[in-house]
Amino acid sequence: MYNTSLAQFLGLFYYSIANSTKAIIVKDRVQNIINALTKKVYRYINRGLFERDKVTFKLMMAFKILIKAQVLTSADVGVFLKAGGGISDNNNKFKSWLE
C-alpha cells in the first residue's frame, strides 16, 4: 500500500549528506550521515502513514536500530513478536520475567 521511489530516497540521502554535521575523520562523517539519514527517512515516512500504522512503523524502526547496534538479536525480536509462543518450556531463559 505504501510506496516510495528511489528518487525520493535519493533526495533524502543527498539532503542528509549536505546537512549532516561535518567531521574530519571519515568514520565520524559517515556515522553523522547515517544518523541524519535515519532521522530524515523516519520523519518523511512517518508523515505519510495512516494513524493506525504509525506505532507499527515506530516499533519496526526501533527494533532494526537496536539489532544493528547489537543491543538486541533477531531472536530477541522474534520472542517479542511471537509473544513467547516459540519458546520451549525447557531452557527458557526468559521464564523469570516473561510470562
PDB file of N, CA and C in Angstrom:
ATOM      1  N   MET A   1       0.830  -1.185   0.000  1.00  0.00           N
ATOM      2  CA  MET A   1       0.000   0.000   0.000  1.00  0.00           C
ATOM      3  C   MET A   1       0.874   1.248   0.000  1.00  0.00           C
ATOM      4  N   TYR A   2       1.954   1.235   0.764  1.00  0.00           N
ATOM      5  CA  TYR A   2       2.845   2.393   0.802  1.00  0.00           C
ATOM      6  C   TYR A   2       4.007   2.162  -0.157  1.00  0.00           C
ATOM      7  N   ASN A   3       4.320   3.146  -0.945  1.00  0.00           N
ATOM      8  CA  ASN A   3       5.439   3.051  -1.885  1.00  0.00           C
ATOM      9  C   ASN A   3       6.269   4.319  -1.824  1.00  0.00           C
ATOM     10  N   THR A   4       7.562   4.137  -1.902  1.00  0.00           N
ATOM     11  CA  THR A   4       8.456   5.277  -2.067  1.00  0.00           C
ATOM     12  C   THR A   4       9.379   4.951  -3.229  1.00  0.00           C
ATOM     13  N   SER A   5       9.759   5.939  -3.959  1.00  0.00           N
ATOM     14  CA  SER A   5      10.605   5.711  -5.125  1.00  0.00           C
ATOM     15  C   SER A   5      12.071   5.895  -4.771  1.00  0.00           C
ATOM     16  N   LEU A   6      12.917   5.405  -5.646  1.00  0.00           N
ATOM     17  CA  LEU A   6      14.348   5.602  -5.470  1.00  0.00           C
ATOM     18  C   LEU A   6      14.687   7.085  -5.527  1.00  0.00           C
ATOM     19  N   ALA A   7      13.989   7.814  -6.379  1.00  0.00           N
ATOM     20  CA  ALA A   7      14.236   9.261  -6.490  1.00  0.00           C
ATOM     21  C   ALA A   7      13.919   9.971  -5.171  1.00  0.00           C
ATOM     22  N   GLN A   8      12.837   9.554  -4.496  1.00  0.00           N
ATOM     23  CA  GLN A   8      12.509  10.153  -3.203  1.00  0.00           C
ATOM     24  C   GLN A   8      13.602   9.853  -2.185  1.00  0.00           C
ATOM     25  N   PHE A   9      14.059   8.597  -2.143  1.00  0.00           N
ATOM     26  CA  PHE A   9      15.102   8.222  -1.202  1.00  0.00           C
ATOM     27  C   PHE A   9      16.401   8.969  -1.502  1.00  0.00           C
ATOM     28  N   LEU A  10      16.757   9.060  -2.767  1.00  0.00           N
ATOM     29  CA  LEU A  10      17.990   9.766  -3.119  1.00  0.00           C
ATOM     30  C   LEU A  10      17.928  11.231  -2.722  1.00  0.00           C
ATOM     31  N   GLY A  11      16.744  11.840  -2.830  1.00  0.00           N
ATOM     32  CA  GLY A  11      16.592  13.214  -2.370  1.00  0.00           C
ATOM     33  C   GLY A  11      16.890  13.336  -0.890  1.00  0.00           C
ATOM     34  N   LEU A  12      16.386  12.387  -0.102  1.00  0.00           N
ATOM     35  CA  LEU A  12      16.653  12.381   1.344  1.00  0.00           C
ATOM     36  C   LEU A  12      18.131  12.100   1.617  1.00  0.00           C
ATOM     37  N   PHE A  13      18.708  11.210   0.836  1.00  0.00           N
ATOM     38  CA  PHE A  13      20.120  10.866   1.002  1.00  0.00           C
ATOM     39  C   PHE A  13      21.021  12.071   0.730  1.00  0.00           C
ATOM     40  N   TYR A  14      20.786  12.744  -0.386  1.00  0.00           N
ATOM     41  CA  TYR A  14      21.595  13.916  -0.724  1.00  0.00           C
ATOM     42  C   TYR A  14      21.388  15.049   0.288  1.00  0.00           C
ATOM     43  N   TYR A  15      20.163  15.196   0.767  1.00  0.00           N
ATOM     44  CA  TYR A  15      19.890  16.195   1.807  1.00  0.00           C
ATOM     45  C   TYR A  15      20.699  15.876   3.064  1.00  0.00           C
ATOM     46  N   SER A  16      20.750  14.601   3.439  1.00  0.00           N
ATOM     47  CA  SER A  16      21.489  14.194   4.634  1.00  0.00           C
ATOM     48  C   SER A  16      22.977  14.443   4.479  1.00  0.00           C
ATOM     49  N   ILE A  17      23.510  14.190   3.300  1.00  0.00           N
ATOM     50  CA  ILE A  17      24.935  14.450   3.064  1.00  0.00           C
ATOM     51  C   ILE A  17      25.231  15.941   3.187  1.00  0.00           C
ATOM     52  N   ALA A  18      24.373  16.745   2.598  1.00  0.00           N
ATOM     53  CA  ALA A  18      24.610  18.188   2.597  1.00  0.00           C
ATOM     54  C   ALA A  18      24.415  18.829   3.965  1.00  0.00           C
ATOM     55  N   ASN A  19      23.502  18.285   4.776  1.00  0.00           N
ATOM     56  CA  ASN A  19      23.129  18.958   6.022  1.00  0.00           C
ATOM     57  C   ASN A  19      23.575  18.247   7.299  1.00  0.00           C
ATOM     58  N   SER A  20      24.283  17.132   7.182  1.00  0.00           N
ATOM     59  CA  SER A  20      24.763  16.470   8.394  1.00  0.00           C
ATOM     60  C   SER A  20      25.998  17.194   8.917  1.00  0.00           C
ATOM     61  N   THR A  21      26.304  16.942  10.179  1.00  0.00           N
ATOM     62  CA  THR A  21      27.456  17.570  10.821  1.00  0.00           C
ATOM     63  C   THR A  21      28.742  17.127  10.132  1.00  0.00           C
ATOM     64  N   LYS A  22      29.586  18.081   9.788  1.00  0.00           N
ATOM     65  CA  LYS A  22      30.863  17.780   9.138  1.00  0.00           C
ATOM     66  C   LYS A  22      31.839  17.214  10.162  1.00  0.00           C
ATOM     67  N   ALA A  23      32.735  16.353   9.698  1.00  0.00           N
ATOM     68  CA  ALA A  23      33.761  15.776  10.562  1.00  0.00           C
ATOM     69  C   ALA A  23      35.013  15.534   9.738  1.00  0.00           C
ATOM     70  N   ILE A  24      36.148  15.645  10.366  1.00  0.00           N
ATOM     71  CA  ILE A  24      37.420  15.441   9.674  1.00  0.00           C
ATOM     72  C   ILE A  24      37.680  13.951   9.467  1.00  0.00           C
ATOM     73  N   ILE A  25      37.385  13.160  10.473  1.00  0.00           N
ATOM     74  CA  ILE A  25      37.605  11.718  10.393  1.00  0.00           C
ATOM     75  C   ILE A  25      36.459  11.096   9.587  1.00  0.00           C
ATOM     76  N   VAL A  26      36.810  10.303   8.590  1.00  0.00           N
ATOM     77  CA  VAL A  26      35.822   9.728   7.673  1.00  0.00           C
ATOM     78  C   VAL A  26      34.794   8.875   8.418  1.00  0.00           C
ATOM     79  N   LYS A  27      35.252   8.082   9.368  1.00  0.00           N
ATOM     80  CA  LYS A  27      34.352   7.214  10.131  1.00  0.00           C
ATOM     81  C   LYS A  27      33.281   8.049  10.850  1.00  0.00           C
ATOM     82  N   ASP A  28      33.683   9.151  11.439  1.00  0.00           N
ATOM     83  CA  ASP A  28      32.733  10.026  12.128  1.00  0.00           C
ATOM     84  C   ASP A  28      31.779  10.695  11.142  1.00  0.00           C
ATOM     85  N   ARG A  29      32.302  11.085   9.984  1.00  0.00           N
ATOM     86  CA  ARG A  29      31.464  11.724   8.959  1.00  0.00           C
ATOM     87  C   ARG A  29      30.391  10.760   8.450  1.00  0.00           C
ATOM     88  N   VAL A  30      30.801   9.518   8.204  1.00  0.00           N
ATOM     89  CA  VAL A  30      29.839   8.512   7.740  1.00  0.00           C
ATOM     90  C   VAL A  30      28.767   8.273   8.800  1.00  0.00           C
ATOM     91  N   GLN A  31      29.161   8.196  10.057  1.00  0.00           N
ATOM     92  CA  GLN A  31      28.186   7.991  11.132  1.00  0.00           C
ATOM     93  C   GLN A  31      27.232   9.179  11.229  1.00  0.00           C
ATOM     94  N   ASN A  32      27.731  10.391  11.046  1.00  0.00           N
ATOM     95  CA  ASN A  32      26.868  11.574  11.057  1.00  0.00           C
ATOM     96  C   ASN A  32      25.857  11.538   9.914  1.00  0.00           C
ATOM     97  N   ILE A  33      26.299  11.088   8.748  1.00  0.00           N
ATOM     98  CA  ILE A  33      25.384  10.969   7.599  1.00  0.00           C
ATOM     99  C   ILE A  33      24.330   9.899   7.863  1.00  0.00           C
ATOM    100  N   ILE A  34      24.745   8.774   8.414  1.00  0.00           N
ATOM    101  CA  ILE A  34      23.795   7.700   8.737  1.00  0.00           C
ATOM    102  C   ILE A  34      22.759   8.190   9.733  1.00  0.00           C
ATOM    103  N   ASN A  35      23.197   8.888  10.772  1.00  0.00           N
ATOM    104  CA  ASN A  35      22.258   9.403  11.776  1.00  0.00           C
ATOM    105  C   ASN A  35      21.288  10.411  11.175  1.00  0.00           C
ATOM    106  N   ALA A  36      21.801  11.300  10.346  1.00  0.00           N
ATOM    107  CA  ALA A  36      20.942  12.305   9.705  1.00  0.00           C
ATOM    108  C   ALA A  36      19.953  11.655   8.756  1.00  0.00           C
ATOM    109  N   LEU A  37      20.422  10.670   7.979  1.00  0.00           N
ATOM    110  CA  LEU A  37      19.548   9.982   7.032  1.00  0.00           C
ATOM    111  C   LEU A  37      18.469   9.185   7.760  1.00  0.00           C
ATOM    112  N   THR A  38      18.838   8.506   8.831  1.00  0.00           N
ATOM    113  CA  THR A  38      17.858   7.751   9.606  1.00  0.00           C
ATOM    114  C   THR A  38      16.757   8.661  10.125  1.00  0.00           C
ATOM    115  N   LYS A  39      17.147   9.782  10.672  1.00  0.00           N
ATOM    116  CA  LYS A  39      16.166  10.741  11.203  1.00  0.00           C
ATOM    117  C   LYS A  39      15.278  11.301  10.091  1.00  0.00           C
ATOM    118  N   LYS A  40      15.892  11.642   8.963  1.00  0.00           N
ATOM    119  CA  LYS A  40      15.140  12.234   7.848  1.00  0.00           C
ATOM    120  C   LYS A  40      14.159  11.225   7.246  1.00  0.00           C
ATOM    121  N   VAL A  41      14.609   9.990   7.038  1.00  0.00           N
ATOM    122  CA  VAL A  41      13.725   8.950   6.486  1.00  0.00           C
ATOM    123  C   VAL A  41      12.592   8.657   7.453  1.00  0.00           C
ATOM    124  N   TYR A  42      12.916   8.571   8.734  1.00  0.00           N
ATOM    125  CA  TYR A  42      11.880   8.314   9.737  1.00  0.00           C
ATOM    126  C   TYR A  42      10.791   9.388   9.684  1.00  0.00           C
ATOM    127  N   ARG A  43      11.198  10.650   9.691  1.00  0.00           N
ATOM    128  CA  ARG A  43      10.216  11.745   9.662  1.00  0.00           C
ATOM    129  C   ARG A  43       9.421  11.763   8.358  1.00  0.00           C
ATOM    130  N   TYR A  44      10.104  11.509   7.251  1.00  0.00           N
ATOM    131  CA  TYR A  44       9.463  11.538   5.941  1.00  0.00           C
ATOM    132  C   TYR A  44       8.399  10.443   5.823  1.00  0.00           C
ATOM    133  N   ILE A  45       8.773   9.229   6.201  1.00  0.00           N
ATOM    134  CA  ILE A  45       7.839   8.101   6.102  1.00  0.00           C
ATOM    135  C   ILE A  45       6.716   8.249   7.111  1.00  0.00           C
ATOM    136  N   ASN A  46       7.042   8.609   8.340  1.00  0.00           N
ATOM    137  CA  ASN A  46       6.029   8.720   9.390  1.00  0.00           C
ATOM    138  C   ASN A  46       4.972   9.774   9.055  1.00  0.00           C
ATOM    139  N   ARG A  47       5.386  10.817   8.370  1.00  0.00           N
ATOM    140  CA  ARG A  47       4.452  11.873   7.994  1.00  0.00           C
ATOM    141  C   ARG A  47       3.394  11.370   7.017  1.00  0.00           C
ATOM    142  N   GLY A  48       3.736  10.398   6.181  1.00  0.00           N
ATOM    143  CA  GLY A  48       2.811   9.915   5.164  1.00  0.00           C
ATOM    144  C   GLY A  48       1.991   8.701   5.563  1.00  0.00           C
ATOM    145  N   LEU A  49       2.171   8.211   6.773  1.00  0.00           N
ATOM    146  CA  LEU A  49       1.453   6.998   7.187  1.00  0.00           C
ATOM    147  C   LEU A  49       0.069   7.311   7.731  1.00  0.00           C
ATOM    148  N   PHE A  50      -0.815   6.331   7.594  1.00  0.00           N
ATOM    149  CA  PHE A  50      -2.097   6.418   8.278  1.00  0.00           C
ATOM    150  C   PHE A  50      -1.833   6.320   9.778  1.00  0.00           C
ATOM    151  N   GLU A  51      -2.689   6.916  10.561  1.00  0.00           N
ATOM    152  CA  GLU A  51      -2.502   6.951  12.015  1.00  0.00           C
ATOM    153  C   GLU A  51      -2.380   5.546  12.607  1.00  0.00           C
ATOM    154  N   ARG A  52      -3.155   4.614  12.090  1.00  0.00           N
ATOM    155  CA  ARG A  52      -3.147   3.244  12.648  1.00  0.00           C
ATOM    156  C   ARG A  52      -1.821   2.523  12.396  1.00  0.00           C
ATOM    157  N   ASP A  53      -1.044   2.961  11.407  1.00  0.00           N
ATOM    158  CA  ASP A  53       0.208   2.293  11.065  1.00  0.00           C
ATOM    159  C   ASP A  53       1.437   2.937  11.692  1.00  0.00           C
ATOM    160  N   LYS A  54       1.282   4.081  12.329  1.00  0.00           N
ATOM    161  CA  LYS A  54       2.433   4.808  12.855  1.00  0.00           C
ATOM    162  C   LYS A  54       3.138   4.070  13.990  1.00  0.00           C
ATOM    163  N   VAL A  55       2.394   3.465  14.886  1.00  0.00           N
ATOM    164  CA  VAL A  55       3.023   2.761  16.010  1.00  0.00           C
ATOM    165  C   VAL A  55       3.797   1.548  15.504  1.00  0.00           C
ATOM    166  N   THR A  56       3.229   0.830  14.538  1.00  0.00           N
ATOM    167  CA  THR A  56       3.913  -0.328  13.971  1.00  0.00           C
ATOM    168  C   THR A  56       5.217   0.086  13.304  1.00  0.00           C
ATOM    169  N   PHE A  57       5.183   1.179  12.562  1.00  0.00           N
ATOM    170  CA  PHE A  57       6.391   1.674  11.901  1.00  0.00           C
ATOM    171  C   PHE A  57       7.449   2.070  12.927  1.00  0.00           C
ATOM    172  N   LYS A  58       7.031   2.753  13.976  1.00  0.00           N
ATOM    173  CA  LYS A  58       7.979   3.161  15.021  1.00  0.00           C
ATOM    174  C   LYS A  58       8.617   1.954  15.686  1.00  0.00           C
ATOM    175  N   LEU A  59       7.821   0.926  15.942  1.00  0.00           N
ATOM    176  CA  LEU A  59       8.342  -0.294  16.556  1.00  0.00           C
ATOM    177  C   LEU A  59       9.324  -0.995  15.627  1.00  0.00           C
ATOM    178  N   MET A  60       8.996  -1.066  14.332  1.00  0.00           N
ATOM    179  CA  MET A  60       9.902  -1.690  13.365  1.00  0.00           C
ATOM    180  C   MET A  60      11.228  -0.935  13.285  1.00  0.00           C
ATOM    181  N   MET A  61      11.160   0.382  13.264  1.00  0.00           N
ATOM    182  CA  MET A  61      12.386   1.184  13.213  1.00  0.00           C
ATOM    183  C   MET A  61      13.222   0.980  14.477  1.00  0.00           C
ATOM    184  N   ALA A  62      12.579   0.998  15.620  1.00  0.00           N
ATOM    185  CA  ALA A  62      13.302   0.827  16.880  1.00  0.00           C
ATOM    186  C   ALA A  62      13.978  -0.540  16.936  1.00  0.00           C
ATOM    187  N   PHE A  63      13.264  -1.586  16.538  1.00  0.00           N
ATOM    188  CA  PHE A  63      13.846  -2.925  16.534  1.00  0.00           C
ATOM    189  C   PHE A  63      15.050  -2.996  15.599  1.00  0.00           C
ATOM    190  N   LYS A  64      14.924  -2.445  14.410  1.00  0.00           N
ATOM    191  CA  LYS A  64      16.016  -2.522  13.435  1.00  0.00           C
ATOM    192  C   LYS A  64      17.241  -1.755  13.923  1.00  0.00           C
ATOM    193  N   ILE A  65      17.023  -0.604  14.525  1.00  0.00           N
ATOM    194  CA  ILE A  65      18.142   0.175  15.063  1.00  0.00           C
ATOM    195  C   ILE A  65      18.826  -0.581  16.195  1.00  0.00           C
ATOM    196  N   LEU A  66      18.043  -1.193  17.081  1.00  0.00           N
ATOM    197  CA  LEU A  66      18.622  -1.947  18.195  1.00  0.00           C
ATOM    198  C   LEU A  66      19.340  -3.207  17.720  1.00  0.00           C
ATOM    199  N   ILE A  67      18.837  -3.843  16.668  1.00  0.00           N
ATOM    200  CA  ILE A  67      19.522  -5.011  16.118  1.00  0.00           C
ATOM    201  C   ILE A  67      20.844  -4.598  15.491  1.00  0.00           C
ATOM    202  N   LYS A  68      20.847  -3.517  14.714  1.00  0.00           N
ATOM    203  CA  LYS A  68      22.082  -3.045  14.084  1.00  0.00           C
ATOM    204  C   LYS A  68      23.109  -2.594  15.126  1.00  0.00           C
ATOM    205  N   ALA A  69      22.638  -2.044  16.248  1.00  0.00           N
ATOM    206  CA  ALA A  69      23.537  -1.616  17.326  1.00  0.00           C
ATOM    207  C   ALA A  69      23.961  -2.789  18.203  1.00  0.00           C
ATOM    208  N   GLN A  70      23.460  -3.966  17.891  1.00  0.00           N
ATOM    209  CA  GLN A  70      23.743  -5.207  18.618  1.00  0.00           C
ATOM    210  C   GLN A  70      23.309  -5.148  20.078  1.00  0.00           C
ATOM    211  N   VAL A  71      22.252  -4.372  20.337  1.00  0.00           N
ATOM    212  CA  VAL A  71      21.630  -4.348  21.659  1.00  0.00           C
ATOM    213  C   VAL A  71      20.658  -5.515  21.759  1.00  0.00           C
ATOM    214  N   LEU A  72      19.960  -5.797  20.660  1.00  0.00           N
ATOM    215  CA  LEU A  72      19.050  -6.929  20.565  1.00  0.00           C
ATOM    216  C   LEU A  72      19.506  -7.845  19.443  1.00  0.00           C
ATOM    217  N   THR A  73      19.059  -9.089  19.501  1.00  0.00           N
ATOM    218  CA  THR A  73      19.285 -10.018  18.398  1.00  0.00           C
ATOM    219  C   THR A  73      17.954 -10.254  17.691  1.00  0.00           C
ATOM    220  N   SER A  74      18.027 -10.830  16.524  1.00  0.00           N
ATOM    221  CA  SER A  74      16.801 -11.169  15.805  1.00  0.00           C
ATOM    222  C   SER A  74      15.963 -12.160  16.607  1.00  0.00           C
ATOM    223  N   ALA A  75      16.623 -13.023  17.346  1.00  0.00           N
ATOM    224  CA  ALA A  75      15.905 -13.984  18.184  1.00  0.00           C
ATOM    225  C   ALA A  75      15.120 -13.270  19.289  1.00  0.00           C
ATOM    226  N   ASP A  76      15.706 -12.225  19.872  1.00  0.00           N
ATOM    227  CA  ASP A  76      15.007 -11.450  20.897  1.00  0.00           C
ATOM    228  C   ASP A  76      13.745 -10.810  20.329  1.00  0.00           C
ATOM    229  N   VAL A  77      13.858 -10.257  19.141  1.00  0.00           N
ATOM    230  CA  VAL A  77      12.707  -9.634  18.496  1.00  0.00           C
ATOM    231  C   VAL A  77      11.658 -10.697  18.179  1.00  0.00           C
ATOM    232  N   GLY A  78      12.105 -11.870  17.745  1.00  0.00           N
ATOM    233  CA  GLY A  78      11.186 -12.978  17.479  1.00  0.00           C
ATOM    234  C   GLY A  78      10.405 -13.383  18.704  1.00  0.00           C
ATOM    235  N   VAL A  79      11.074 -13.403  19.851  1.00  0.00           N
ATOM    236  CA  VAL A  79      10.379 -13.731  21.104  1.00  0.00           C
ATOM    237  C   VAL A  79       9.300 -12.703  21.390  1.00  0.00           C
ATOM    238  N   PHE A  80       9.617 -11.445  21.181  1.00  0.00           N
ATOM    239  CA  PHE A  80       8.630 -10.386  21.415  1.00  0.00           C
ATOM    240  C   PHE A  80       7.450 -10.521  20.463  1.00  0.00           C
ATOM    241  N   LEU A  81       7.731 -10.728  19.189  1.00  0.00           N
ATOM    242  CA  LEU A  81       6.668 -10.781  18.188  1.00  0.00           C
ATOM    243  C   LEU A  81       5.798 -12.023  18.317  1.00  0.00           C
ATOM    244  N   LYS A  82       6.384 -13.122  18.748  1.00  0.00           N
ATOM    245  CA  LYS A  82       5.626 -14.359  18.904  1.00  0.00           C
ATOM    246  C   LYS A  82       4.996 -14.476  20.287  1.00  0.00           C
ATOM    247  N   ALA A  83       5.207 -13.488  21.118  1.00  0.00           N
ATOM    248  CA  ALA A  83       4.681 -13.467  22.489  1.00  0.00           C
ATOM    249  C   ALA A  83       5.107 -14.693  23.275  1.00  0.00           C
ATOM    250  N   GLY A  84       6.308 -15.171  23.008  1.00  0.00           N
ATOM    251  CA  GLY A  84       6.832 -16.308  23.751  1.00  0.00           C
ATOM    252  C   GLY A  84       6.337 -17.641  23.261  1.00  0.00           C
ATOM    253  N   GLY A  85       5.512 -17.669  22.232  1.00  0.00           N
ATOM    254  CA  GLY A  85       4.959 -18.918  21.730  1.00  0.00           C
ATOM    255  C   GLY A  85       6.000 -19.836  21.126  1.00  0.00           C
ATOM    256  N   GLY A  86       7.103 -19.273  20.643  1.00  0.00           N
ATOM    257  CA  GLY A  86       8.144 -20.079  20.021  1.00  0.00           C
ATOM    258  C   GLY A  86       9.179 -20.596  21.002  1.00  0.00           C
ATOM    259  N   ILE A  87       9.016 -20.310  22.263  1.00  0.00           N
ATOM    260  CA  ILE A  87       9.989 -20.731  23.268  1.00  0.00           C
ATOM    261  C   ILE A  87       9.505 -22.022  23.914  1.00  0.00           C
ATOM    262  N   SER A  88      10.380 -23.003  23.957  1.00  0.00           N
ATOM    263  CA  SER A  88      10.013 -24.235  24.662  1.00  0.00           C
ATOM    264  C   SER A  88      10.141 -23.988  26.162  1.00  0.00           C
ATOM    265  N   ASP A  89       9.434 -24.777  26.939  1.00  0.00           N
ATOM    266  CA  ASP A  89       9.472 -24.608  28.390  1.00  0.00           C
ATOM    267  C   ASP A  89      10.824 -25.011  28.977  1.00  0.00           C
ATOM    268  N   ASN A  90      11.538 -25.877  28.301  1.00  0.00           N
ATOM    269  CA  ASN A  90      12.873 -26.269  28.760  1.00  0.00           C
ATOM    270  C   ASN A  90      13.878 -25.214  28.307  1.00  0.00           C
ATOM    271  N   ASN A  91      14.811 -24.904  29.154  1.00  0.00           N
ATOM    272  CA  ASN A  91      15.849 -23.909  28.849  1.00  0.00           C
ATOM    273  C   ASN A  91      15.271 -22.548  28.487  1.00  0.00           C
ATOM    274  N   ASN A  92      14.247 -22.151  29.167  1.00  0.00           N
ATOM    275  CA  ASN A  92      13.602 -20.865  28.897  1.00  0.00           C
ATOM    276  C   ASN A  92      14.289 -19.793  29.723  1.00  0.00           C
ATOM    277  N   LYS A  93      15.214 -19.046  29.104  1.00  0.00           N
ATOM    278  CA  LYS A  93      15.949 -18.013  29.831  1.00  0.00           C
ATOM    279  C   LYS A  93      15.086 -16.794  30.125  1.00  0.00           C
ATOM    280  N   PHE A  94      13.914 -16.688  29.478  1.00  0.00           N
ATOM    281  CA  PHE A  94      13.024 -15.572  29.688  1.00  0.00           C
ATOM    282  C   PHE A  94      11.940 -15.868  30.723  1.00  0.00           C
ATOM    283  N   LYS A  95      11.954 -17.075  31.256  1.00  0.00           N
ATOM    284  CA  LYS A  95      10.883 -17.530  32.133  1.00  0.00           C
ATOM    285  C   LYS A  95      10.715 -16.668  33.369  1.00  0.00           C
ATOM    286  N   SER A  96      11.800 -16.103  33.870  1.00  0.00           N
ATOM    287  CA  SER A  96      11.714 -15.317  35.100  1.00  0.00           C
ATOM    288  C   SER A  96      10.975 -14.013  34.915  1.00  0.00           C
ATOM    289  N   TRP A  97      10.973 -13.430  33.728  1.00  0.00           N
ATOM    290  CA  TRP A  97      10.346 -12.143  33.538  1.00  0.00           C
ATOM    291  C   TRP A  97       9.286 -12.116  32.436  1.00  0.00           C
ATOM    292  N   LEU A  98       9.217 -13.166  31.607  1.00  0.00           N
ATOM    293  CA  LEU A  98       8.246 -13.191  30.519  1.00  0.00           C
ATOM    294  C   LEU A  98       7.244 -14.307  30.767  1.00  0.00           C
ATOM    295  N   GLU A  99       6.032 -13.923  31.106  1.00  0.00           N
ATOM    296  CA  GLU A  99       5.015 -14.941  31.399  1.00  0.00           C
ATOM    297  C   GLU A  99       4.317 -15.377  30.140  1.00  0.00           C
TER     298      GLU A  99
END
